[in-house]
Amino acid sequence: MRVYDTEGGPVLDASFEAVRTYTGHDVSALGWGTHALAPLSFRGATYSGVFTLLPMLTGQGREHHGDILREAAALVDEGKPRPLLDGTRYPLADVADAHRSVENGTADGKVVVDIEP
């Protein structure tokens, strides 16, 4: 599992424990503070921090930062970013099976649980 953290704090700590062993990578836009990196090390995972406020605070790189945001917005408008979904869809009655697939690492992407009214 790869994680993109936009919250920081305890969410960043939890994301360090959620990444997949060996291939996991955590990217955080709010990674400042004191965080234990041991959960990443124990998984052989990696971390990247992106300080997104720097261009706004200093003015340095502001135009380039704007270019990146415009390009990201265009990709979203084109519908190109798509979540990776596991091939199995679970009915609500089988939610325990869905949870187990995430817990034991057999899920390949986001797990979908269909909730019918």
PDB file of N, CA and C in Angstrom:
ATOM      1  N   MET A   1       0.844  -1.169   0.000  1.00  0.00           N
ATOM      2  CA  MET A   1       0.000   0.000   0.000  1.00  0.00           C
ATOM      3  C   MET A   1       0.886   1.227   0.000  1.00  0.00           C
ATOM      4  N   ARG A   2       0.501   2.191  -0.786  1.00  0.00           N
ATOM      5  CA  ARG A   2       1.156   3.491  -0.774  1.00  0.00           C
ATOM      6  C   ARG A   2       0.179   4.475  -0.172  1.00  0.00           C
ATOM      7  N   VAL A   3       0.708   5.437   0.577  1.00  0.00           N
ATOM      8  CA  VAL A   3      -0.145   6.374   1.303  1.00  0.00           C
ATOM      9  C   VAL A   3       0.219   7.796   0.919  1.00  0.00           C
ATOM     10  N   TYR A   4      -0.804   8.629   0.695  1.00  0.00           N
ATOM     11  CA  TYR A   4      -0.606  10.067   0.533  1.00  0.00           C
ATOM     12  C   TYR A   4      -1.319  10.727   1.696  1.00  0.00           C
ATOM     13  N   ASP A   5      -0.556  11.301   2.592  1.00  0.00           N
ATOM     14  CA  ASP A   5      -1.089  11.898   3.814  1.00  0.00           C
ATOM     15  C   ASP A   5      -1.227  13.407   3.636  1.00  0.00           C
ATOM     16  N   THR A   6      -2.427  13.911   3.866  1.00  0.00           N
ATOM     17  CA  THR A   6      -2.660  15.357   3.806  1.00  0.00           C
ATOM     18  C   THR A   6      -3.043  15.920   5.167  1.00  0.00           C
ATOM     19  N   GLU A   7      -2.979  15.091   6.212  1.00  0.00           N
ATOM     20  CA  GLU A   7      -3.394  15.518   7.542  1.00  0.00           C
ATOM     21  C   GLU A   7      -2.222  15.778   8.480  1.00  0.00           C
ATOM     22  N   GLY A   8      -1.197  14.933   8.400  1.00  0.00           N
ATOM     23  CA  GLY A   8      -0.078  15.048   9.338  1.00  0.00           C
ATOM     24  C   GLY A   8      -0.449  14.518  10.710  1.00  0.00           C
ATOM     25  N   GLY A   9       0.381  14.820  11.690  1.00  0.00           N
ATOM     26  CA  GLY A   9       0.126  14.420  13.078  1.00  0.00           C
ATOM     27  C   GLY A   9      -0.097  12.930  13.228  1.00  0.00           C
ATOM     28  N   PRO A  10      -1.138  12.540  13.992  1.00  0.00           N
ATOM     29  CA  PRO A  10      -1.396  11.124  14.239  1.00  0.00           C
ATOM     30  C   PRO A  10      -1.737  10.348  12.963  1.00  0.00           C
ATOM     31  N   VAL A  11      -2.304  11.026  11.956  1.00  0.00           N
ATOM     32  CA  VAL A  11      -2.616  10.352  10.689  1.00  0.00           C
ATOM     33  C   VAL A  11      -1.312   9.940   9.992  1.00  0.00           C
ATOM     34  N   LEU A  12      -0.297  10.797  10.049  1.00  0.00           N
ATOM     35  CA  LEU A  12       0.987  10.449   9.462  1.00  0.00           C
ATOM     36  C   LEU A  12       1.594   9.246  10.184  1.00  0.00           C
ATOM     37  N   ASP A  13       1.522   9.242  11.519  1.00  0.00           N
ATOM     38  CA  ASP A  13       2.031   8.096  12.279  1.00  0.00           C
ATOM     39  C   ASP A  13       1.301   6.816  11.880  1.00  0.00           C
ATOM     40  N   ALA A  14      -0.016   6.888  11.734  1.00  0.00           N
ATOM     41  CA  ALA A  14      -0.798   5.708  11.344  1.00  0.00           C
ATOM     42  C   ALA A  14      -0.435   5.270   9.928  1.00  0.00           C
ATOM     43  N   SER A  15      -0.156   6.223   9.049  1.00  0.00           N
ATOM     44  CA  SER A  15       0.186   5.860   7.669  1.00  0.00           C
ATOM     45  C   SER A  15       1.524   5.131   7.617  1.00  0.00           C
ATOM     46  N   PHE A  16       2.437   5.435   8.543  1.00  0.00           N
ATOM     47  CA  PHE A  16       3.711   4.716   8.602  1.00  0.00           C
ATOM     48  C   PHE A  16       3.474   3.234   8.904  1.00  0.00           C
ATOM     49  N   GLU A  17       2.419   2.953   9.652  1.00  0.00           N
ATOM     50  CA  GLU A  17       2.107   1.562  10.002  1.00  0.00           C
ATOM     51  C   GLU A  17       1.230   0.894   8.950  1.00  0.00           C
ATOM     52  N   ALA A  18       0.665   1.662   8.025  1.00  0.00           N
ATOM     53  CA  ALA A  18      -0.253   1.110   7.021  1.00  0.00           C
ATOM     54  C   ALA A  18       0.432   0.735   5.715  1.00  0.00           C
ATOM     55  N   VAL A  19       1.609   1.283   5.464  1.00  0.00           N
ATOM     56  CA  VAL A  19       2.257   1.016   4.175  1.00  0.00           C
ATOM     57  C   VAL A  19       2.641  -0.448   4.045  1.00  0.00           C
ATOM     58  N   ARG A  20       2.674  -0.915   2.826  1.00  0.00           N
ATOM     59  CA  ARG A  20       2.999  -2.314   2.533  1.00  0.00           C
ATOM     60  C   ARG A  20       4.497  -2.570   2.724  1.00  0.00           C
ATOM     61  N   THR A  21       4.815  -3.769   3.157  1.00  0.00           N
ATOM     62  CA  THR A  21       6.205  -4.162   3.341  1.00  0.00           C
ATOM     63  C   THR A  21       6.937  -4.179   2.003  1.00  0.00           C
ATOM     64  N   TYR A  22       8.137  -3.647   2.001  1.00  0.00           N
ATOM     65  CA  TYR A  22       9.077  -3.569   0.869  1.00  0.00           C
ATOM     66  C   TYR A  22       8.653  -2.606  -0.236  1.00  0.00           C
ATOM     67  N   THR A  23       7.413  -2.595  -0.655  1.00  0.00           N
ATOM     68  CA  THR A  23       7.017  -1.719  -1.762  1.00  0.00           C
ATOM     69  C   THR A  23       6.246  -0.492  -1.284  1.00  0.00           C
ATOM     70  N   GLY A  24       6.031  -0.365   0.017  1.00  0.00           N
ATOM     71  CA  GLY A  24       5.256   0.750   0.549  1.00  0.00           C
ATOM     72  C   GLY A  24       6.001   2.066   0.463  1.00  0.00           C
ATOM     73  N   HIS A  25       5.243   3.129   0.249  1.00  0.00           N
ATOM     74  CA  HIS A  25       5.820   4.475   0.198  1.00  0.00           C
ATOM     75  C   HIS A  25       4.801   5.437   0.770  1.00  0.00           C
ATOM     76  N   ASP A  26       5.251   6.325   1.629  1.00  0.00           N
ATOM     77  CA  ASP A  26       4.388   7.326   2.239  1.00  0.00           C
ATOM     78  C   ASP A  26       4.838   8.700   1.764  1.00  0.00           C
ATOM     79  N   VAL A  27       3.893   9.488   1.284  1.00  0.00           N
ATOM     80  CA  VAL A  27       4.154  10.876   0.898  1.00  0.00           C
ATOM     81  C   VAL A  27       3.269  11.740   1.777  1.00  0.00           C
ATOM     82  N   SER A  28       3.842  12.740   2.386  1.00  0.00           N
ATOM     83  CA  SER A  28       3.062  13.610   3.261  1.00  0.00           C
ATOM     84  C   SER A  28       3.270  15.069   2.891  1.00  0.00           C
ATOM     85  N   ALA A  29       2.160  15.795   2.865  1.00  0.00           N
ATOM     86  CA  ALA A  29       2.222  17.233   2.638  1.00  0.00           C
ATOM     87  C   ALA A  29       2.335  17.988   3.963  1.00  0.00           C
ATOM     88  N   LEU A  30       2.144  17.289   5.074  1.00  0.00           N
ATOM     89  CA  LEU A  30       2.198  17.924   6.390  1.00  0.00           C
ATOM     90  C   LEU A  30       3.016  17.072   7.352  1.00  0.00           C
ATOM     91  N   GLY A  31       4.256  16.765   6.960  1.00  0.00           N
ATOM     92  CA  GLY A  31       5.072  15.840   7.726  1.00  0.00           C
ATOM     93  C   GLY A  31       5.970  16.464   8.768  1.00  0.00           C
ATOM     94  N   TRP A  32       5.716  17.680   9.187  1.00  0.00           N
ATOM     95  CA  TRP A  32       6.600  18.248  10.188  1.00  0.00           C
ATOM     96  C   TRP A  32       6.185  17.772  11.575  1.00  0.00           C
ATOM     97  N   GLY A  33       7.084  17.901  12.516  1.00  0.00           N
ATOM     98  CA  GLY A  33       6.830  17.438  13.869  1.00  0.00           C
ATOM     99  C   GLY A  33       7.769  16.310  14.222  1.00  0.00           C
ATOM    100  N   THR A  34       7.445  15.615  15.285  1.00  0.00           N
ATOM    101  CA  THR A  34       8.254  14.504  15.752  1.00  0.00           C
ATOM    102  C   THR A  34       7.501  13.212  15.474  1.00  0.00           C
ATOM    103  N   HIS A  35       8.081  12.364  14.643  1.00  0.00           N
ATOM    104  CA  HIS A  35       7.436  11.114  14.259  1.00  0.00           C
ATOM    105  C   HIS A  35       8.450   9.988  14.330  1.00  0.00           C
ATOM    106  N   ALA A  36       7.997   8.819  14.781  1.00  0.00           N
ATOM    107  CA  ALA A  36       8.851   7.638  14.828  1.00  0.00           C
ATOM    108  C   ALA A  36       8.896   7.010  13.439  1.00  0.00           C
ATOM    109  N   LEU A  37      10.081   6.872  12.878  1.00  0.00           N
ATOM    110  CA  LEU A  37      10.248   6.268  11.559  1.00  0.00           C
ATOM    111  C   LEU A  37      10.422   4.756  11.624  1.00  0.00           C
ATOM    112  N   ALA A  38      10.477   4.192  12.825  1.00  0.00           N
ATOM    113  CA  ALA A  38      10.684   2.753  12.979  1.00  0.00           C
ATOM    114  C   ALA A  38       9.657   1.915  12.218  1.00  0.00           C
ATOM    115  N   PRO A  39       8.337   2.258  12.246  1.00  0.00           N
ATOM    116  CA  PRO A  39       7.388   1.433  11.497  1.00  0.00           C
ATOM    117  C   PRO A  39       7.724   1.346  10.009  1.00  0.00           C
ATOM    118  N   LEU A  40       8.257   2.419   9.442  1.00  0.00           N
ATOM    119  CA  LEU A  40       8.677   2.381   8.036  1.00  0.00           C
ATOM    120  C   LEU A  40       9.900   1.489   7.865  1.00  0.00           C
ATOM    121  N   SER A  41      10.857   1.640   8.746  1.00  0.00           N
ATOM    122  CA  SER A  41      12.082   0.845   8.665  1.00  0.00           C
ATOM    123  C   SER A  41      11.787  -0.642   8.790  1.00  0.00           C
ATOM    124  N   PHE A  42      10.900  -1.001   9.709  1.00  0.00           N
ATOM    125  CA  PHE A  42      10.568  -2.410   9.915  1.00  0.00           C
ATOM    126  C   PHE A  42       9.894  -3.016   8.690  1.00  0.00           C
ATOM    127  N   ARG A  43       9.289  -2.176   7.847  1.00  0.00           N
ATOM    128  CA  ARG A  43       8.617  -2.663   6.640  1.00  0.00           C
ATOM    129  C   ARG A  43       9.496  -2.508   5.394  1.00  0.00           C
ATOM    130  N   GLY A  44      10.645  -1.881   5.545  1.00  0.00           N
ATOM    131  CA  GLY A  44      11.474  -1.616   4.372  1.00  0.00           C
ATOM    132  C   GLY A  44      10.788  -0.635   3.438  1.00  0.00           C
ATOM    133  N   ALA A  45       9.934   0.235   3.987  1.00  0.00           N
ATOM    134  CA  ALA A  45       9.172   1.205   3.204  1.00  0.00           C
ATOM    135  C   ALA A  45       9.909   2.542   3.154  1.00  0.00           C
ATOM    136  N   THR A  46       9.410   3.460   2.342  1.00  0.00           N
ATOM    137  CA  THR A  46      10.063   4.752   2.166  1.00  0.00           C
ATOM    138  C   THR A  46       9.094   5.892   2.447  1.00  0.00           C
ATOM    139  N   TYR A  47       9.663   7.091   2.629  1.00  0.00           N
ATOM    140  CA  TYR A  47       8.881   8.280   2.971  1.00  0.00           C
ATOM    141  C   TYR A  47       9.409   9.479   2.189  1.00  0.00           C
ATOM    142  N   SER A  48       8.487  10.304   1.725  1.00  0.00           N
ATOM    143  CA  SER A  48       8.838  11.585   1.114  1.00  0.00           C
ATOM    144  C   SER A  48       7.970  12.668   1.735  1.00  0.00           C
ATOM    145  N   GLY A  49       8.598  13.761   2.094  1.00  0.00           N
ATOM    146  CA  GLY A  49       7.845  14.895   2.616  1.00  0.00           C
ATOM    147  C   GLY A  49       7.842  16.023   1.601  1.00  0.00           C
ATOM    148  N   VAL A  50       6.689  16.643   1.427  1.00  0.00           N
ATOM    149  CA  VAL A  50       6.548  17.739   0.484  1.00  0.00           C
ATOM    150  C   VAL A  50       6.034  18.943   1.264  1.00  0.00           C
ATOM    151  N   PHE A  51       6.847  19.968   1.391  1.00  0.00           N
ATOM    152  CA  PHE A  51       6.422  21.149   2.124  1.00  0.00           C
ATOM    153  C   PHE A  51       5.748  22.098   1.148  1.00  0.00           C
ATOM    154  N   THR A  52       4.444  21.941   1.008  1.00  0.00           N
ATOM    155  CA  THR A  52       3.692  22.677  -0.014  1.00  0.00           C
ATOM    156  C   THR A  52       3.528  24.151   0.301  1.00  0.00           C
ATOM    157  N   LEU A  53       3.713  24.549   1.539  1.00  0.00           N
ATOM    158  CA  LEU A  53       3.516  25.953   1.886  1.00  0.00           C
ATOM    159  C   LEU A  53       4.720  26.835   1.578  1.00  0.00           C
ATOM    160  N   LEU A  54       5.885  26.245   1.367  1.00  0.00           N
ATOM    161  CA  LEU A  54       7.105  27.027   1.165  1.00  0.00           C
ATOM    162  C   LEU A  54       6.965  28.067   0.054  1.00  0.00           C
ATOM    163  N   PRO A  55       6.460  27.713  -1.139  1.00  0.00           N
ATOM    164  CA  PRO A  55       6.315  28.734  -2.180  1.00  0.00           C
ATOM    165  C   PRO A  55       5.378  29.874  -1.771  1.00  0.00           C
ATOM    166  N   MET A  56       4.340  29.564  -1.015  1.00  0.00           N
ATOM    167  CA  MET A  56       3.411  30.613  -0.589  1.00  0.00           C
ATOM    168  C   MET A  56       4.025  31.510   0.473  1.00  0.00           C
ATOM    169  N   LEU A  57       4.846  30.923   1.346  1.00  0.00           N
ATOM    170  CA  LEU A  57       5.443  31.709   2.428  1.00  0.00           C
ATOM    171  C   LEU A  57       6.608  32.565   1.959  1.00  0.00           C
ATOM    172  N   THR A  58       7.417  32.014   1.027  1.00  0.00           N
ATOM    173  CA  THR A  58       8.635  32.713   0.626  1.00  0.00           C
ATOM    174  C   THR A  58       8.540  33.377  -0.743  1.00  0.00           C
ATOM    175  N   GLY A  59       7.591  32.926  -1.564  1.00  0.00           N
ATOM    176  CA  GLY A  59       7.515  33.423  -2.939  1.00  0.00           C
ATOM    177  C   GLY A  59       8.450  32.673  -3.872  1.00  0.00           C
ATOM    178  N   GLN A  60       9.422  31.964  -3.315  1.00  0.00           N
ATOM    179  CA  GLN A  60      10.380  31.218  -4.126  1.00  0.00           C
ATOM    180  C   GLN A  60       9.703  29.994  -4.723  1.00  0.00           C
ATOM    181  N   GLY A  61       9.724  29.871  -6.045  1.00  0.00           N
ATOM    182  CA  GLY A  61       9.124  28.733  -6.718  1.00  0.00           C
ATOM    183  C   GLY A  61       7.614  28.805  -6.826  1.00  0.00           C
ATOM    184  N   ARG A  62       7.036  29.962  -6.511  1.00  0.00           N
ATOM    185  CA  ARG A  62       5.577  30.093  -6.513  1.00  0.00           C
ATOM    186  C   ARG A  62       4.988  29.810  -7.895  1.00  0.00           C
ATOM    187  N   GLU A  63       5.594  30.341  -8.941  1.00  0.00           N
ATOM    188  CA  GLU A  63       5.059  30.128 -10.296  1.00  0.00           C
ATOM    189  C   GLU A  63       5.135  28.651 -10.680  1.00  0.00           C
ATOM    190  N   HIS A  64       6.259  28.007 -10.360  1.00  0.00           N
ATOM    191  CA  HIS A  64       6.403  26.582 -10.664  1.00  0.00           C
ATOM    192  C   HIS A  64       5.372  25.765  -9.888  1.00  0.00           C
ATOM    193  N   HIS A  65       5.152  26.125  -8.630  1.00  0.00           N
ATOM    194  CA  HIS A  65       4.149  25.452  -7.811  1.00  0.00           C
ATOM    195  C   HIS A  65       2.768  25.611  -8.454  1.00  0.00           C
ATOM    196  N   GLY A  66       2.484  26.799  -8.956  1.00  0.00           N
ATOM    197  CA  GLY A  66       1.219  27.040  -9.660  1.00  0.00           C
ATOM    198  C   GLY A  66       1.101  26.171 -10.910  1.00  0.00           C
ATOM    199  N   ASP A  67       2.202  26.019 -11.646  1.00  0.00           N
ATOM    200  CA  ASP A  67       2.200  25.153 -12.837  1.00  0.00           C
ATOM    201  C   ASP A  67       1.847  23.718 -12.461  1.00  0.00           C
ATOM    202  N   ILE A  68       2.439  23.235 -11.379  1.00  0.00           N
ATOM    203  CA  ILE A  68       2.169  21.872 -10.927  1.00  0.00           C
ATOM    204  C   ILE A  68       0.695  21.712 -10.570  1.00  0.00           C
ATOM    205  N   LEU A  69       0.151  22.671  -9.832  1.00  0.00           N
ATOM    206  CA  LEU A  69      -1.255  22.595  -9.439  1.00  0.00           C
ATOM    207  C   LEU A  69      -2.186  22.668 -10.642  1.00  0.00           C
ATOM    208  N   ARG A  70      -1.852  23.519 -11.626  1.00  0.00           N
ATOM    209  CA  ARG A  70      -2.676  23.597 -12.837  1.00  0.00           C
ATOM    210  C   ARG A  70      -2.645  22.285 -13.613  1.00  0.00           C
ATOM    211  N   GLU A  71      -1.461  21.670 -13.701  1.00  0.00           N
ATOM    212  CA  GLU A  71      -1.348  20.388 -14.405  1.00  0.00           C
ATOM    213  C   GLU A  71      -2.134  19.302 -13.668  1.00  0.00           C
ATOM    214  N   ALA A  72      -2.050  19.287 -12.346  1.00  0.00           N
ATOM    215  CA  ALA A  72      -2.809  18.301 -11.566  1.00  0.00           C
ATOM    216  C   ALA A  72      -4.310  18.510 -11.758  1.00  0.00           C
ATOM    217  N   ALA A  73      -4.753  19.761 -11.763  1.00  0.00           N
ATOM    218  CA  ALA A  73      -6.180  20.052 -11.963  1.00  0.00           C
ATOM    219  C   ALA A  73      -6.643  19.597 -13.346  1.00  0.00           C
ATOM    220  N   ALA A  74      -5.813  19.795 -14.364  1.00  0.00           N
ATOM    221  CA  ALA A  74      -6.172  19.359 -15.724  1.00  0.00           C
ATOM    222  C   ALA A  74      -6.304  17.835 -15.774  1.00  0.00           C
ATOM    223  N   LEU A  75      -5.404  17.118 -15.117  1.00  0.00           N
ATOM    224  CA  LEU A  75      -5.495  15.662 -15.080  1.00  0.00           C
ATOM    225  C   LEU A  75      -6.789  15.200 -14.403  1.00  0.00           C
ATOM    226  N   VAL A  76      -7.153  15.883 -13.337  1.00  0.00           N
ATOM    227  CA  VAL A  76      -8.400  15.546 -12.642  1.00  0.00           C
ATOM    228  C   VAL A  76      -9.593  15.839 -13.547  1.00  0.00           C
ATOM    229  N   ASP A  77      -9.568  16.990 -14.217  1.00  0.00           N
ATOM    230  CA  ASP A  77     -10.657  17.334 -15.137  1.00  0.00           C
ATOM    231  C   ASP A  77     -10.814  16.300 -16.249  1.00  0.00           C
ATOM    232  N   GLU A  78      -9.706  15.694 -16.668  1.00  0.00           N
ATOM    233  CA  GLU A  78      -9.735  14.671 -17.720  1.00  0.00           C
ATOM    234  C   GLU A  78     -10.089  13.290 -17.170  1.00  0.00           C
ATOM    235  N   GLY A  79     -10.238  13.184 -15.859  1.00  0.00           N
ATOM    236  CA  GLY A  79     -10.585  11.903 -15.244  1.00  0.00           C
ATOM    237  C   GLY A  79      -9.456  10.893 -15.230  1.00  0.00           C
ATOM    238  N   LYS A  80      -8.223  11.368 -15.341  1.00  0.00           N
ATOM    239  CA  LYS A  80      -7.086  10.438 -15.431  1.00  0.00           C
ATOM    240  C   LYS A  80      -6.686   9.800 -14.104  1.00  0.00           C
ATOM    241  N   PRO A  81      -6.666  10.525 -12.999  1.00  0.00           N
ATOM    242  CA  PRO A  81      -6.324   9.832 -11.748  1.00  0.00           C
ATOM    243  C   PRO A  81      -7.473   8.889 -11.377  1.00  0.00           C
ATOM    244  N   ARG A  82      -7.161   7.637 -11.206  1.00  0.00           N
ATOM    245  CA  ARG A  82      -8.177   6.644 -10.854  1.00  0.00           C
ATOM    246  C   ARG A  82      -7.644   5.799  -9.704  1.00  0.00           C
ATOM    247  N   PRO A  83      -8.494   5.549  -8.716  1.00  0.00           N
ATOM    248  CA  PRO A  83      -8.042   4.702  -7.607  1.00  0.00           C
ATOM    249  C   PRO A  83      -7.875   3.263  -8.072  1.00  0.00           C
ATOM    250  N   LEU A  84      -6.931   2.571  -7.484  1.00  0.00           N
ATOM    251  CA  LEU A  84      -6.741   1.150  -7.748  1.00  0.00           C
ATOM    252  C   LEU A  84      -7.748   0.394  -6.888  1.00  0.00           C
ATOM    253  N   LEU A  85      -8.656  -0.341  -7.541  1.00  0.00           N
ATOM    254  CA  LEU A  85      -9.695  -1.080  -6.824  1.00  0.00           C
ATOM    255  C   LEU A  85      -9.408  -2.574  -6.870  1.00  0.00           C
ATOM    256  N   ASP A  86      -9.595  -3.223  -5.732  1.00  0.00           N
ATOM    257  CA  ASP A  86      -9.489  -4.671  -5.687  1.00  0.00           C
ATOM    258  C   ASP A  86     -10.599  -5.258  -6.567  1.00  0.00           C
ATOM    259  N   GLY A  87     -10.341  -6.393  -7.189  1.00  0.00           N
ATOM    260  CA  GLY A  87     -11.306  -6.998  -8.104  1.00  0.00           C
ATOM    261  C   GLY A  87     -12.535  -7.581  -7.440  1.00  0.00           C
ATOM    262  N   THR A  88     -12.490  -7.790  -6.127  1.00  0.00           N
ATOM    263  CA  THR A  88     -13.637  -8.370  -5.419  1.00  0.00           C
ATOM    264  C   THR A  88     -14.476  -7.269  -4.804  1.00  0.00           C
ATOM    265  N   ARG A  89     -15.784  -7.312  -5.076  1.00  0.00           N
ATOM    266  CA  ARG A  89     -16.733  -6.403  -4.418  1.00  0.00           C
ATOM    267  C   ARG A  89     -17.496  -7.219  -3.386  1.00  0.00           C
ATOM    268  N   TYR A  90     -17.640  -6.681  -2.196  1.00  0.00           N
ATOM    269  CA  TYR A  90     -18.279  -7.406  -1.106  1.00  0.00           C
ATOM    270  C   TYR A  90     -19.643  -6.810  -0.794  1.00  0.00           C
ATOM    271  N   PRO A  91     -20.645  -7.666  -0.588  1.00  0.00           N
ATOM    272  CA  PRO A  91     -21.918  -7.146  -0.074  1.00  0.00           C
ATOM    273  C   PRO A  91     -21.733  -6.818   1.411  1.00  0.00           C
ATOM    274  N   LEU A  92     -22.586  -5.982   1.939  1.00  0.00           N
ATOM    275  CA  LEU A  92     -22.466  -5.568   3.336  1.00  0.00           C
ATOM    276  C   LEU A  92     -22.444  -6.768   4.282  1.00  0.00           C
ATOM    277  N   ALA A  93     -23.172  -7.819   3.944  1.00  0.00           N
ATOM    278  CA  ALA A  93     -23.203  -9.011   4.806  1.00  0.00           C
ATOM    279  C   ALA A  93     -21.825  -9.657   4.928  1.00  0.00           C
ATOM    280  N   ASP A  94     -20.933  -9.419   3.954  1.00  0.00           N
ATOM    281  CA  ASP A  94     -19.591 -10.013   3.970  1.00  0.00           C
ATOM    282  C   ASP A  94     -18.502  -9.004   4.332  1.00  0.00           C
ATOM    283  N   VAL A  95     -18.875  -7.961   5.057  1.00  0.00           N
ATOM    284  CA  VAL A  95     -17.908  -6.914   5.385  1.00  0.00           C
ATOM    285  C   VAL A  95     -16.729  -7.469   6.189  1.00  0.00           C
ATOM    286  N   ALA A  96     -16.955  -8.500   6.986  1.00  0.00           N
ATOM    287  CA  ALA A  96     -15.844  -9.096   7.749  1.00  0.00           C
ATOM    288  C   ALA A  96     -14.809  -9.693   6.792  1.00  0.00           C
ATOM    289  N   ASP A  97     -15.276 -10.315   5.692  1.00  0.00           N
ATOM    290  CA  ASP A  97     -14.350 -10.858   4.694  1.00  0.00           C
ATOM    291  C   ASP A  97     -13.549  -9.737   4.033  1.00  0.00           C
ATOM    292  N   ALA A  98     -14.240  -8.627   3.754  1.00  0.00           N
ATOM    293  CA  ALA A  98     -13.558  -7.473   3.153  1.00  0.00           C
ATOM    294  C   ALA A  98     -12.470  -6.965   4.091  1.00  0.00           C
ATOM    295  N   HIS A  99     -12.794  -6.856   5.361  1.00  0.00           N
ATOM    296  CA  HIS A  99     -11.820  -6.382   6.343  1.00  0.00           C
ATOM    297  C   HIS A  99     -10.631  -7.330   6.424  1.00  0.00           C
ATOM    298  N   ARG A 100     -10.901  -8.628   6.418  1.00  0.00           N
ATOM    299  CA  ARG A 100      -9.818  -9.611   6.472  1.00  0.00           C
ATOM    300  C   ARG A 100      -8.886  -9.484   5.268  1.00  0.00           C
ATOM    301  N   SER A 101      -9.452  -9.209   4.085  1.00  0.00           N
ATOM    302  CA  SER A 101      -8.601  -9.095   2.894  1.00  0.00           C
ATOM    303  C   SER A 101      -7.652  -7.907   3.000  1.00  0.00           C
ATOM    304  N   VAL A 102      -8.109  -6.838   3.643  1.00  0.00           N
ATOM    305  CA  VAL A 102      -7.228  -5.684   3.862  1.00  0.00           C
ATOM    306  C   VAL A 102      -6.207  -6.027   4.945  1.00  0.00           C
ATOM    307  N   GLU A 103      -6.694  -6.608   6.027  1.00  0.00           N
ATOM    308  CA  GLU A 103      -5.835  -6.911   7.167  1.00  0.00           C
ATOM    309  C   GLU A 103      -4.711  -7.887   6.811  1.00  0.00           C
ATOM    310  N   ASN A 104      -5.015  -8.907   6.002  1.00  0.00           N
ATOM    311  CA  ASN A 104      -3.987  -9.906   5.699  1.00  0.00           C
ATOM    312  C   ASN A 104      -3.185  -9.587   4.432  1.00  0.00           C
ATOM    313  N   GLY A 105      -3.491  -8.445   3.799  1.00  0.00           N
ATOM    314  CA  GLY A 105      -2.686  -7.992   2.669  1.00  0.00           C
ATOM    315  C   GLY A 105      -3.018  -8.631   1.331  1.00  0.00           C
ATOM    316  N   THR A 106      -4.150  -9.351   1.241  1.00  0.00           N
ATOM    317  CA  THR A 106      -4.500  -9.966  -0.039  1.00  0.00           C
ATOM    318  C   THR A 106      -5.283  -9.029  -0.948  1.00  0.00           C
ATOM    319  N   ALA A 107      -5.787  -7.943  -0.415  1.00  0.00           N
ATOM    320  CA  ALA A 107      -6.511  -6.959  -1.241  1.00  0.00           C
ATOM    321  C   ALA A 107      -5.512  -6.256  -2.140  1.00  0.00           C
ATOM    322  N   ASP A 108      -5.885  -6.080  -3.388  1.00  0.00           N
ATOM    323  CA  ASP A 108      -5.025  -5.401  -4.354  1.00  0.00           C
ATOM    324  C   ASP A 108      -5.643  -4.050  -4.691  1.00  0.00           C
ATOM    325  N   GLY A 109      -5.514  -3.111  -3.777  1.00  0.00           N
ATOM    326  CA  GLY A 109      -6.091  -1.785  -3.960  1.00  0.00           C
ATOM    327  C   GLY A 109      -7.216  -1.544  -2.970  1.00  0.00           C
ATOM    328  N   LYS A 110      -8.034  -0.555  -3.252  1.00  0.00           N
ATOM    329  CA  LYS A 110      -9.163  -0.210  -2.384  1.00  0.00           C
ATOM    330  C   LYS A 110     -10.188  -1.330  -2.422  1.00  0.00           C
ATOM    331  N   VAL A 111     -10.778  -1.610  -1.279  1.00  0.00           N
ATOM    332  CA  VAL A 111     -11.803  -2.640  -1.175  1.00  0.00           C
ATOM    333  C   VAL A 111     -13.171  -1.960  -1.186  1.00  0.00           C
ATOM    334  N   VAL A 112     -14.061  -2.477  -2.018  1.00  0.00           N
ATOM    335  CA  VAL A 112     -15.400  -1.906  -2.146  1.00  0.00           C
ATOM    336  C   VAL A 112     -16.406  -2.791  -1.418  1.00  0.00           C
ATOM    337  N   VAL A 113     -17.196  -2.166  -0.546  1.00  0.00           N
ATOM    338  CA  VAL A 113     -18.305  -2.841   0.122  1.00  0.00           C
ATOM    339  C   VAL A 113     -19.568  -2.161  -0.369  1.00  0.00           C
ATOM    340  N   ASP A 114     -20.415  -2.952  -1.057  1.00  0.00           N
ATOM    341  CA  ASP A 114     -21.679  -2.419  -1.572  1.00  0.00           C
ATOM    342  C   ASP A 114     -22.700  -2.373  -0.460  1.00  0.00           C
ATOM    343  N   ILE A 115     -23.302  -1.203  -0.265  1.00  0.00           N
ATOM    344  CA  ILE A 115     -24.330  -1.028   0.748  1.00  0.00           C
ATOM    345  C   ILE A 115     -25.619  -0.714   0.008  1.00  0.00           C
ATOM    346  N   GLU A 116     -26.560  -1.632   0.099  1.00  0.00           N
ATOM    347  CA  GLU A 116     -27.849  -1.442  -0.565  1.00  0.00           C
ATOM    348  C   GLU A 116     -28.860  -0.984   0.469  1.00  0.00           C
ATOM    349  N   PRO A 117     -29.739  -0.047   0.072  1.00  0.00           N
ATOM    350  CA  PRO A 117     -30.758   0.442   1.028  1.00  0.00           C
ATOM    351  C   PRO A 117     -31.786  -0.622   1.382  1.00  0.00           C
TER     352      PRO A 117
END
